[in-house]
Amino acid sequence: QAPPRSSTPLTRSLLNAGAPVVTELRCQCLQTVQGIHLKNIQNVKVTSPGPHCAQTEVIATLKNGQEACLNPEAPLVKKIIHKMLNK
């Protein structure tokens, strides 16, 4: 039997539990790109799997302001993340 549902909104229950506030309850990356040159990347954000999305997501912010989802399994992307972490 499932536990009784709380009338507390999800964000409030997450706040009470000390968990980070989840703003999107879905994956942000529906498609990934394979080839982005490191010199075009300004920042990289890696999101671990969680309740919002079952997969690791790598979102690169480009120097022109656009965002691109990268394939976290691609060797080039792993190399980019490694370089960005070592800066």
Protein backbone atom coordinates (compact mmCIF):
# COMPACT_ATOMS: atom_id res chain seq x y z
CA GLN A 1 0.00 0.00 0.00
CA ALA A 2 1.32 3.44 -0.95
CA PRO A 3 1.99 5.97 1.81
CA PRO A 4 -0.64 8.70 2.17
CA ARG A 5 -0.07 11.72 -0.03
CA SER A 6 0.81 14.97 1.65
CA SER A 7 -1.02 18.14 0.70
CA THR A 8 2.30 19.97 0.93
CA PRO A 9 3.59 21.15 -2.46
CA LEU A 10 6.67 19.37 -3.75
CA THR A 11 8.94 22.39 -3.45
CA ARG A 12 7.91 22.98 0.15
CA SER A 13 8.56 19.36 1.10
CA LEU A 14 11.98 19.55 -0.59
CA LEU A 15 12.78 22.71 1.34
CA ASN A 16 11.73 21.08 4.59
CA ALA A 17 13.96 18.11 3.83
CA GLY A 18 16.95 20.38 3.21
CA ALA A 19 17.18 19.28 -0.43
CA PRO A 20 17.91 21.76 -3.21
CA VAL A 21 14.91 23.38 -4.83
CA VAL A 22 14.13 21.71 -8.13
CA THR A 23 12.94 24.27 -10.66
CA GLU A 24 12.35 21.87 -13.56
CA LEU A 25 10.92 18.41 -13.02
CA ARG A 26 12.07 17.12 -16.40
CA CYS A 27 15.25 16.66 -18.40
CA GLN A 28 16.57 19.87 -19.95
CA CYS A 29 18.48 18.10 -22.72
CA LEU A 30 16.29 16.34 -25.24
CA GLN A 31 19.03 16.24 -27.87
CA THR A 32 22.80 16.58 -27.62
CA VAL A 33 25.41 17.94 -29.99
CA GLN A 34 28.68 16.14 -30.56
CA GLY A 35 31.11 18.77 -31.81
CA ILE A 36 31.73 22.04 -30.02
CA HIS A 37 35.20 23.47 -29.92
CA LEU A 38 36.58 24.18 -26.46
CA LYS A 39 37.44 27.77 -27.44
CA ASN A 40 33.72 28.49 -27.99
CA ILE A 41 32.70 27.35 -24.51
CA GLN A 42 32.46 29.87 -21.69
CA ASN A 43 31.05 27.63 -18.97
CA VAL A 44 29.91 24.04 -18.43
CA LYS A 45 27.24 22.86 -16.01
CA VAL A 46 26.97 19.16 -15.20
CA THR A 47 23.72 17.96 -13.63
CA SER A 48 23.73 14.54 -12.01
CA PRO A 49 20.78 12.18 -12.40
CA GLY A 50 18.01 12.82 -9.91
CA PRO A 51 14.24 12.94 -9.49
CA HIS A 52 13.98 15.52 -12.27
CA CYS A 53 15.88 13.47 -14.87
CA ALA A 54 17.36 9.97 -14.92
CA GLN A 55 20.41 10.92 -16.97
CA THR A 56 23.53 13.04 -16.49
CA GLU A 57 23.17 16.30 -18.39
CA VAL A 58 26.04 18.49 -19.59
CA ILE A 59 25.00 21.99 -20.61
CA ALA A 60 27.63 24.25 -22.17
CA THR A 61 27.17 28.00 -22.22
CA LEU A 62 28.85 29.32 -25.32
CA LYS A 63 30.66 32.64 -25.59
CA ASN A 64 27.84 33.95 -27.81
CA GLY A 65 25.36 33.33 -24.95
CA GLN A 66 23.69 30.25 -26.41
CA GLU A 67 23.42 27.00 -24.48
CA ALA A 68 24.09 23.58 -25.95
CA CYS A 69 23.55 20.13 -24.49
CA LEU A 70 26.56 17.86 -24.85
CA ASN A 71 26.64 14.08 -24.82
CA PRO A 72 28.23 13.20 -21.44
CA GLU A 73 29.49 9.87 -22.82
CA ALA A 74 31.37 11.38 -25.76
CA PRO A 75 35.17 11.28 -25.31
CA LEU A 76 35.49 14.92 -26.43
CA VAL A 77 32.91 16.04 -23.85
CA LYS A 78 34.71 14.13 -21.08
CA LYS A 79 37.91 15.90 -22.13
CA ILE A 80 36.18 19.30 -22.09
CA ILE A 81 34.78 18.71 -18.60
CA HIS A 82 38.20 17.60 -17.37
CA LYS A 83 39.83 20.75 -18.80
CA MET A 84 37.15 23.04 -17.35
CA LEU A 85 37.51 21.45 -13.89
CA ASN A 86 41.27 21.92 -13.94
CA LYS A 87 41.12 25.65 -14.74
